[in-house]
Structure formats: C-alpha cells, structure tokens
Amino acid sequence: MNDSLRIVVVAPELADLPPDDEHALAQAQRSRALRIGLLESGYNLIATLPADMYLPERLAQLQPDMVIVDAESEARDVLEHVVTATRDERRAIVMFTNDDDTQLAREAVAAGVSAYIVAGLAAERIRPILEVAFARFEHEQQLRGELNQARNDLKERKLIDRAKGLLMQRQGLTEQAAWDKLRKAAMDKGLRVAEVAQRMLDMADLLG
C-alpha cells in the first residue's frame, strides 16, 4: 500500500462532545490516537471533516483515496453520511468505533465499508488494517468493473443480434452477411458495431 494515499478522517467535532461523558472521553482519546497513528505510520492525512450536509462536496474537492470513519454513539448517522457522500464516486472506507453492535457492523459491510474495527486501536495495528482494507477495496472494484463490463457486453450482443435479425428479415441476408454489413458500416463510420446496431434499430423504430 502506497503511503502517499490521500486519507480523510470523518468524525464528530470533539468540541461538540460532552466533556463529562465517558463515551465522549473515550472517543476523544481514540480519535487522537488514530490521527497520531496515521501520522506516525507516514500516511498522508489531508483533512478531518465532520459528518454533515457538506461532506459530499468536501470529499469531491479533496479527492481522497480512503475515508476513515471515527465514530461512537452516533456511528450509524456518521456512516450514513459517508456512504451517501461516496455513492457516486466510491472510495475505500474504514470504520473505527467502540460500538460492538453486530447489526451496525453488518450494515456497514453491506454499505461498502472495507474494514469495521471495534476497539483495541493501537498505532502498530493501523498499517496492517489499512493495507488489508485497501486491498479488499481494490479487489471489489475490479470485480465490480468486470461485472459491469460483462453486462455491457451482453447488452451490446443483444443489440447486434436484433440488428442482424432486422437485416436478415428486411434484406433477405444470411446471418453472416448481416454481420459483415454491420461491421463494414462500423468501419466506414469509425464507430463500434454496437453503436451502428443501435442507430439502425432507432431508425427502424422511427420509420415503423
């Protein structure tokens, strides 16, 4: 994992936490330990942001490679903000919390969190946690890309088959001749065969 990864930490403002609350104190201590651990491990911590309505815009401006969620009692709300903010442009998400709610953990993983870490935060654990989380994120992105490509390929094959069928029906061509005609039209126009097929079908629908 490249230490130059741009990391943003999303957490409640510590100044807004009740000073006499044990959970607030624990979160403040963990938050400091997390930031110190990131810096000591050589990571590029570019910002610490609150989970508010401006988070999507700030993430879009900063373009981090990884978002670390640091939350306690309001962990579900913070997670919802982060997931919403990264829906259109996915990023690796790691969540540190002392909340051992198994339902929240399942929701976090289902929402795309690469690692859900409960308690036990120590500086020496940060690097292996982030390395595994980012590797998992990259693998999932690769699988998602392959799935999208497979879907696009299937969609294009269906378009081409429909266009071939139209040529065979209206011009009495064989399947091979229809394919050759589509391919030649694509080469002449500098388009992909699927694009030519789509234009042909659109024109057929227009003319009836």
C-alpha atoms as a PDB file:
ATOM      1  CA  MET A   1       0.000   0.000   0.000  1.00  0.00           C
ATOM      2  CA  ASN A   2       1.336   3.394  -1.009  1.00  0.00           C
ATOM      3  CA  ASP A   3       1.960   5.729   1.929  1.00  0.00           C
ATOM      4  CA  SER A   4       1.062   8.663  -0.337  1.00  0.00           C
ATOM      5  CA  LEU A   5      -2.617   7.657  -0.278  1.00  0.00           C
ATOM      6  CA  ARG A   6      -4.745  10.672   0.498  1.00  0.00           C
ATOM      7  CA  ILE A   7      -6.729   9.946   3.665  1.00  0.00           C
ATOM      8  CA  VAL A   8      -9.642  11.875   5.149  1.00  0.00           C
ATOM      9  CA  VAL A   9     -10.936  11.163   8.645  1.00  0.00           C
ATOM     10  CA  VAL A  10     -14.656  11.758   9.193  1.00  0.00           C
ATOM     11  CA  ALA A  11     -15.628  12.211  12.828  1.00  0.00           C
ATOM     12  CA  PRO A  12     -17.849  14.327  15.094  1.00  0.00           C
ATOM     13  CA  GLU A  13     -16.333  17.594  16.233  1.00  0.00           C
ATOM     14  CA  LEU A  14     -14.631  16.835  19.539  1.00  0.00           C
ATOM     15  CA  ALA A  15     -15.506  20.310  20.799  1.00  0.00           C
ATOM     16  CA  ASP A  16     -19.197  19.385  20.495  1.00  0.00           C
ATOM     17  CA  LEU A  17     -18.894  16.275  22.668  1.00  0.00           C
ATOM     18  CA  PRO A  18     -19.968  16.476  26.351  1.00  0.00           C
ATOM     19  CA  PRO A  19     -16.754  16.884  28.385  1.00  0.00           C
ATOM     20  CA  ASP A  20     -18.030  14.827  31.341  1.00  0.00           C
ATOM     21  CA  ASP A  21     -19.336  11.900  29.302  1.00  0.00           C
ATOM     22  CA  GLU A  22     -17.274   8.689  29.476  1.00  0.00           C
ATOM     23  CA  HIS A  23     -18.111   7.727  25.898  1.00  0.00           C
ATOM     24  CA  ALA A  24     -17.142  11.206  24.719  1.00  0.00           C
ATOM     25  CA  LEU A  25     -13.831  10.943  26.560  1.00  0.00           C
ATOM     26  CA  ALA A  26     -13.171   7.516  25.055  1.00  0.00           C
ATOM     27  CA  GLN A  27     -13.939   8.822  21.576  1.00  0.00           C
ATOM     28  CA  ALA A  28     -11.662  11.828  22.045  1.00  0.00           C
ATOM     29  CA  GLN A  29      -8.818   9.569  23.145  1.00  0.00           C
ATOM     30  CA  ARG A  30      -9.344   7.155  20.264  1.00  0.00           C
ATOM     31  CA  SER A  31      -9.584   9.981  17.760  1.00  0.00           C
ATOM     32  CA  ARG A  32      -6.285  11.432  18.912  1.00  0.00           C
ATOM     33  CA  ALA A  33      -4.658   8.000  18.881  1.00  0.00           C
ATOM     34  CA  LEU A  34      -5.941   7.392  15.364  1.00  0.00           C
ATOM     35  CA  ARG A  35      -4.585  10.662  13.994  1.00  0.00           C
ATOM     36  CA  ILE A  36      -1.249  10.206  15.727  1.00  0.00           C
ATOM     37  CA  GLY A  37      -1.047   6.633  14.466  1.00  0.00           C
ATOM     38  CA  LEU A  38      -1.740   7.717  10.885  1.00  0.00           C
ATOM     39  CA  LEU A  39       0.925  10.393  11.007  1.00  0.00           C
ATOM     40  CA  GLU A  40       3.468   8.136  12.722  1.00  0.00           C
ATOM     41  CA  SER A  41       2.827   5.485  10.078  1.00  0.00           C
ATOM     42  CA  GLY A  42       3.659   8.018   7.393  1.00  0.00           C
ATOM     43  CA  TYR A  43       0.188   8.327   5.868  1.00  0.00           C
ATOM     44  CA  ASN A  44      -0.991  11.466   4.128  1.00  0.00           C
ATOM     45  CA  LEU A  45      -3.796  12.699   6.383  1.00  0.00           C
ATOM     46  CA  ILE A  46      -5.184  15.590   4.358  1.00  0.00           C
ATOM     47  CA  ALA A  47      -8.224  16.560   6.441  1.00  0.00           C
ATOM     48  CA  THR A  48     -10.535  15.780   9.335  1.00  0.00           C
ATOM     49  CA  LEU A  49     -14.145  16.506   8.450  1.00  0.00           C
ATOM     50  CA  PRO A  50     -17.453  16.468  10.318  1.00  0.00           C
ATOM     51  CA  ALA A  51     -20.233  14.240   9.022  1.00  0.00           C
ATOM     52  CA  ASP A  52     -22.565  16.986   7.874  1.00  0.00           C
ATOM     53  CA  MET A  53     -24.505  18.018   4.775  1.00  0.00           C
ATOM     54  CA  TYR A  54     -21.362  19.471   3.202  1.00  0.00           C
ATOM     55  CA  LEU A  55     -19.413  16.209   3.328  1.00  0.00           C
ATOM     56  CA  PRO A  56     -20.116  15.134  -0.301  1.00  0.00           C
ATOM     57  CA  GLU A  57     -18.887  18.486  -1.615  1.00  0.00           C
ATOM     58  CA  ARG A  58     -15.769  18.441   0.557  1.00  0.00           C
ATOM     59  CA  LEU A  59     -14.857  14.903  -0.450  1.00  0.00           C
ATOM     60  CA  ALA A  60     -15.365  15.824  -4.098  1.00  0.00           C
ATOM     61  CA  GLN A  61     -12.947  18.721  -3.654  1.00  0.00           C
ATOM     62  CA  LEU A  62     -10.313  16.797  -1.688  1.00  0.00           C
ATOM     63  CA  GLN A  63     -10.482  13.580  -3.755  1.00  0.00           C
ATOM     64  CA  PRO A  64      -9.193  11.246  -1.009  1.00  0.00           C
ATOM     65  CA  ASP A  65      -8.229   7.651  -1.744  1.00  0.00           C
ATOM     66  CA  MET A  66      -9.564   6.435   1.595  1.00  0.00           C
ATOM     67  CA  VAL A  67     -12.141   7.666   4.102  1.00  0.00           C
ATOM     68  CA  ILE A  68     -11.722   6.661   7.732  1.00  0.00           C
ATOM     69  CA  VAL A  69     -14.885   6.887   9.835  1.00  0.00           C
ATOM     70  CA  ASP A  70     -14.189   7.539  13.504  1.00  0.00           C
ATOM     71  CA  ALA A  71     -17.456   7.410  15.436  1.00  0.00           C
ATOM     72  CA  GLU A  72     -19.040   6.210  18.648  1.00  0.00           C
ATOM     73  CA  SER A  73     -22.665   6.584  19.775  1.00  0.00           C
ATOM     74  CA  GLU A  74     -23.637   8.335  16.532  1.00  0.00           C
ATOM     75  CA  ALA A  75     -21.771   5.837  14.377  1.00  0.00           C
ATOM     76  CA  ARG A  76     -24.844   4.878  12.305  1.00  0.00           C
ATOM     77  CA  ASP A  77     -25.537   8.522  11.391  1.00  0.00           C
ATOM     78  CA  VAL A  78     -21.894   9.197  10.515  1.00  0.00           C
ATOM     79  CA  LEU A  79     -21.747   6.039   8.390  1.00  0.00           C
ATOM     80  CA  GLU A  80     -24.913   7.067   6.534  1.00  0.00           C
ATOM     81  CA  HIS A  81     -23.376  10.454   5.698  1.00  0.00           C
ATOM     82  CA  VAL A  82     -20.164   8.850   4.422  1.00  0.00           C
ATOM     83  CA  VAL A  83     -21.938   6.211   2.327  1.00  0.00           C
ATOM     84  CA  THR A  84     -24.155   8.887   0.772  1.00  0.00           C
ATOM     85  CA  ALA A  85     -21.122  11.071   0.075  1.00  0.00           C
ATOM     86  CA  THR A  86     -19.243   8.240  -1.668  1.00  0.00           C
ATOM     87  CA  ARG A  87     -22.150   6.671  -3.564  1.00  0.00           C
ATOM     88  CA  ASP A  88     -21.347   8.233  -6.940  1.00  0.00           C
ATOM     89  CA  GLU A  89     -17.578   8.019  -6.582  1.00  0.00           C
ATOM     90  CA  ARG A  90     -16.645   5.008  -4.496  1.00  0.00           C
ATOM     91  CA  ARG A  91     -13.706   5.124  -2.097  1.00  0.00           C
ATOM     92  CA  ALA A  92     -12.171   2.744   0.391  1.00  0.00           C
ATOM     93  CA  ILE A  93     -13.913   3.168   3.760  1.00  0.00           C
ATOM     94  CA  VAL A  94     -12.529   2.025   7.106  1.00  0.00           C
ATOM     95  CA  MET A  95     -14.577   2.401  10.284  1.00  0.00           C
ATOM     96  CA  PHE A  96     -13.079   2.650  13.782  1.00  0.00           C
ATOM     97  CA  THR A  97     -15.539   2.501  16.671  1.00  0.00           C
ATOM     98  CA  ASN A  98     -16.097   1.142  20.160  1.00  0.00           C
ATOM     99  CA  ASP A  99     -19.666   0.248  19.211  1.00  0.00           C
ATOM    100  CA  ASP A 100     -19.860  -3.558  19.097  1.00  0.00           C
ATOM    101  CA  ASP A 101     -23.407  -3.572  17.705  1.00  0.00           C
ATOM    102  CA  THR A 102     -23.345  -6.539  15.322  1.00  0.00           C
ATOM    103  CA  GLN A 103     -26.282  -5.134  13.354  1.00  0.00           C
ATOM    104  CA  LEU A 104     -24.341  -1.926  12.689  1.00  0.00           C
ATOM    105  CA  ALA A 105     -21.347  -3.996  11.623  1.00  0.00           C
ATOM    106  CA  ARG A 106     -23.490  -5.903   9.107  1.00  0.00           C
ATOM    107  CA  GLU A 107     -24.999  -2.653   7.824  1.00  0.00           C
ATOM    108  CA  ALA A 108     -21.524  -1.151   7.451  1.00  0.00           C
ATOM    109  CA  VAL A 109     -20.189  -4.075   5.430  1.00  0.00           C
ATOM    110  CA  ALA A 110     -23.336  -4.148   3.277  1.00  0.00           C
ATOM    111  CA  ALA A 111     -22.923  -0.418   2.645  1.00  0.00           C
ATOM    112  CA  GLY A 112     -19.396  -0.908   1.297  1.00  0.00           C
ATOM    113  CA  VAL A 113     -17.151  -0.484   4.349  1.00  0.00           C
ATOM    114  CA  SER A 114     -13.907  -2.341   3.689  1.00  0.00           C
ATOM    115  CA  ALA A 115     -12.988  -2.794   7.363  1.00  0.00           C
ATOM    116  CA  TYR A 116     -15.043  -2.418  10.562  1.00  0.00           C
ATOM    117  CA  ILE A 117     -12.732  -2.220  13.555  1.00  0.00           C
ATOM    118  CA  VAL A 118     -14.110  -2.380  17.100  1.00  0.00           C
ATOM    119  CA  ALA A 119     -11.932  -1.092  19.955  1.00  0.00           C
ATOM    120  CA  GLY A 120      -8.370  -2.154  20.523  1.00  0.00           C
ATOM    121  CA  LEU A 121      -6.919   0.645  18.376  1.00  0.00           C
ATOM    122  CA  ALA A 122      -3.143   0.715  18.634  1.00  0.00           C
ATOM    123  CA  ALA A 123      -0.644   2.516  16.435  1.00  0.00           C
ATOM    124  CA  GLU A 124       1.008  -0.716  15.317  1.00  0.00           C
ATOM    125  CA  ARG A 125      -2.338  -2.083  14.076  1.00  0.00           C
ATOM    126  CA  ILE A 126      -3.155   0.840  11.795  1.00  0.00           C
ATOM    127  CA  ARG A 127      -0.878  -0.068   8.891  1.00  0.00           C
ATOM    128  CA  PRO A 128      -1.963  -3.727   8.517  1.00  0.00           C
ATOM    129  CA  ILE A 129      -5.623  -2.729   8.914  1.00  0.00           C
ATOM    130  CA  LEU A 130      -5.417  -0.096   6.197  1.00  0.00           C
ATOM    131  CA  GLU A 131      -3.374  -2.323   3.886  1.00  0.00           C
ATOM    132  CA  VAL A 132      -5.917  -5.146   4.069  1.00  0.00           C
ATOM    133  CA  ALA A 133      -8.846  -2.725   3.748  1.00  0.00           C
ATOM    134  CA  PHE A 134      -7.442  -1.037   0.660  1.00  0.00           C
ATOM    135  CA  ALA A 135      -6.539  -4.359  -0.954  1.00  0.00           C
ATOM    136  CA  ARG A 136     -10.095  -5.558  -0.366  1.00  0.00           C
ATOM    137  CA  PHE A 137     -11.495  -2.331  -1.821  1.00  0.00           C
ATOM    138  CA  GLU A 138      -9.348  -2.622  -4.949  1.00  0.00           C
ATOM    139  CA  HIS A 139     -10.382  -6.269  -5.403  1.00  0.00           C
ATOM    140  CA  GLU A 140     -14.066  -5.364  -5.062  1.00  0.00           C
ATOM    141  CA  GLN A 141     -13.640  -2.513  -7.528  1.00  0.00           C
ATOM    142  CA  GLN A 142     -12.036  -4.904 -10.009  1.00  0.00           C
ATOM    143  CA  LEU A 143     -14.891  -7.389  -9.613  1.00  0.00           C
ATOM    144  CA  ARG A 144     -17.439  -4.595  -9.968  1.00  0.00           C
ATOM    145  CA  GLY A 145     -15.728  -3.385 -13.130  1.00  0.00           C
ATOM    146  CA  GLU A 146     -15.675  -6.902 -14.595  1.00  0.00           C
ATOM    147  CA  LEU A 147     -19.370  -7.333 -13.784  1.00  0.00           C
ATOM    148  CA  ASN A 148     -20.265  -4.018 -15.411  1.00  0.00           C
ATOM    149  CA  GLN A 149     -18.202  -4.947 -18.467  1.00  0.00           C
ATOM    150  CA  ALA A 150     -19.972  -8.299 -18.712  1.00  0.00           C
ATOM    151  CA  ARG A 151     -23.340  -6.568 -18.512  1.00  0.00           C
ATOM    152  CA  ASN A 152     -22.341  -4.069 -21.192  1.00  0.00           C
ATOM    153  CA  ASP A 153     -21.052  -6.861 -23.429  1.00  0.00           C
ATOM    154  CA  LEU A 154     -24.323  -8.759 -23.051  1.00  0.00           C
ATOM    155  CA  LYS A 155     -26.333  -5.631 -23.818  1.00  0.00           C
ATOM    156  CA  GLU A 156     -24.262  -4.964 -26.935  1.00  0.00           C
ATOM    157  CA  ARG A 157     -24.582  -8.567 -28.128  1.00  0.00           C
ATOM    158  CA  LYS A 158     -28.350  -8.311 -27.822  1.00  0.00           C
ATOM    159  CA  LEU A 159     -28.349  -5.044 -29.819  1.00  0.00           C
ATOM    160  CA  ILE A 160     -26.226  -6.602 -32.554  1.00  0.00           C
ATOM    161  CA  ASP A 161     -28.403  -9.728 -32.680  1.00  0.00           C
ATOM    162  CA  ARG A 162     -31.527  -7.576 -33.050  1.00  0.00           C
ATOM    163  CA  ALA A 163     -29.897  -5.520 -35.804  1.00  0.00           C
ATOM    164  CA  LYS A 164     -28.764  -8.663 -37.623  1.00  0.00           C
ATOM    165  CA  GLY A 165     -32.252 -10.068 -37.344  1.00  0.00           C
ATOM    166  CA  LEU A 166     -33.683  -6.891 -38.829  1.00  0.00           C
ATOM    167  CA  LEU A 167     -31.288  -7.028 -41.791  1.00  0.00           C
ATOM    168  CA  MET A 168     -31.992 -10.714 -42.336  1.00  0.00           C
ATOM    169  CA  GLN A 169     -35.729 -10.082 -42.303  1.00  0.00           C
ATOM    170  CA  ARG A 170     -35.848  -6.957 -44.454  1.00  0.00           C
ATOM    171  CA  GLN A 171     -32.988  -7.618 -46.867  1.00  0.00           C
ATOM    172  CA  GLY A 172     -33.050 -11.398 -47.006  1.00  0.00           C
ATOM    173  CA  LEU A 173     -29.453 -11.688 -45.780  1.00  0.00           C
ATOM    174  CA  THR A 174     -27.846 -14.622 -44.074  1.00  0.00           C
ATOM    175  CA  GLU A 175     -26.651 -14.114 -40.503  1.00  0.00           C
ATOM    176  CA  GLN A 176     -23.025 -13.897 -41.665  1.00  0.00           C
ATOM    177  CA  ALA A 177     -23.902 -11.404 -44.405  1.00  0.00           C
ATOM    178  CA  ALA A 178     -25.857  -9.275 -41.914  1.00  0.00           C
ATOM    179  CA  TRP A 179     -22.875  -9.289 -39.544  1.00  0.00           C
ATOM    180  CA  ASP A 180     -20.487  -8.369 -42.345  1.00  0.00           C
ATOM    181  CA  LYS A 181     -22.728  -5.463 -43.335  1.00  0.00           C
ATOM    182  CA  LEU A 182     -22.881  -4.153 -39.776  1.00  0.00           C
ATOM    183  CA  ARG A 183     -19.123  -4.473 -39.360  1.00  0.00           C
ATOM    184  CA  LYS A 184     -18.410  -2.691 -42.657  1.00  0.00           C
ATOM    185  CA  ALA A 185     -20.762   0.156 -41.724  1.00  0.00           C
ATOM    186  CA  ALA A 186     -18.994   0.478 -38.381  1.00  0.00           C
ATOM    187  CA  MET A 187     -15.570   0.608 -40.034  1.00  0.00           C
ATOM    188  CA  ASP A 188     -16.737   3.164 -42.611  1.00  0.00           C
ATOM    189  CA  LYS A 189     -18.214   5.444 -39.940  1.00  0.00           C
ATOM    190  CA  GLY A 190     -15.485   4.926 -37.332  1.00  0.00           C
ATOM    191  CA  LEU A 191     -17.984   3.502 -34.846  1.00  0.00           C
ATOM    192  CA  ARG A 192     -18.326   0.330 -32.855  1.00  0.00           C
ATOM    193  CA  VAL A 193     -20.623  -2.332 -34.280  1.00  0.00           C
ATOM    194  CA  ALA A 194     -22.950  -1.948 -31.291  1.00  0.00           C
ATOM    195  CA  GLU A 195     -23.292   1.775 -31.998  1.00  0.00           C
ATOM    196  CA  VAL A 196     -24.213   1.093 -35.621  1.00  0.00           C
ATOM    197  CA  ALA A 197     -26.707  -1.540 -34.459  1.00  0.00           C
ATOM    198  CA  GLN A 198     -28.299   0.927 -32.028  1.00  0.00           C
ATOM    199  CA  ARG A 199     -28.632   3.607 -34.716  1.00  0.00           C
ATOM    200  CA  MET A 200     -30.165   1.106 -37.117  1.00  0.00           C
ATOM    201  CA  LEU A 201     -32.718  -0.028 -34.537  1.00  0.00           C
ATOM    202  CA  ASP A 202     -33.544   3.572 -33.601  1.00  0.00           C
ATOM    203  CA  MET A 203     -34.149   4.396 -37.259  1.00  0.00           C
ATOM    204  CA  ALA A 204     -36.299   1.285 -37.709  1.00  0.00           C
ATOM    205  CA  ASP A 205     -38.411   2.282 -34.704  1.00  0.00           C
ATOM    206  CA  LEU A 206     -38.761   5.799 -36.098  1.00  0.00           C
ATOM    207  CA  LEU A 207     -39.852   4.637 -39.531  1.00  0.00           C
ATOM    208  CA  GLY A 208     -42.022   1.844 -38.197  1.00  0.00           C
END
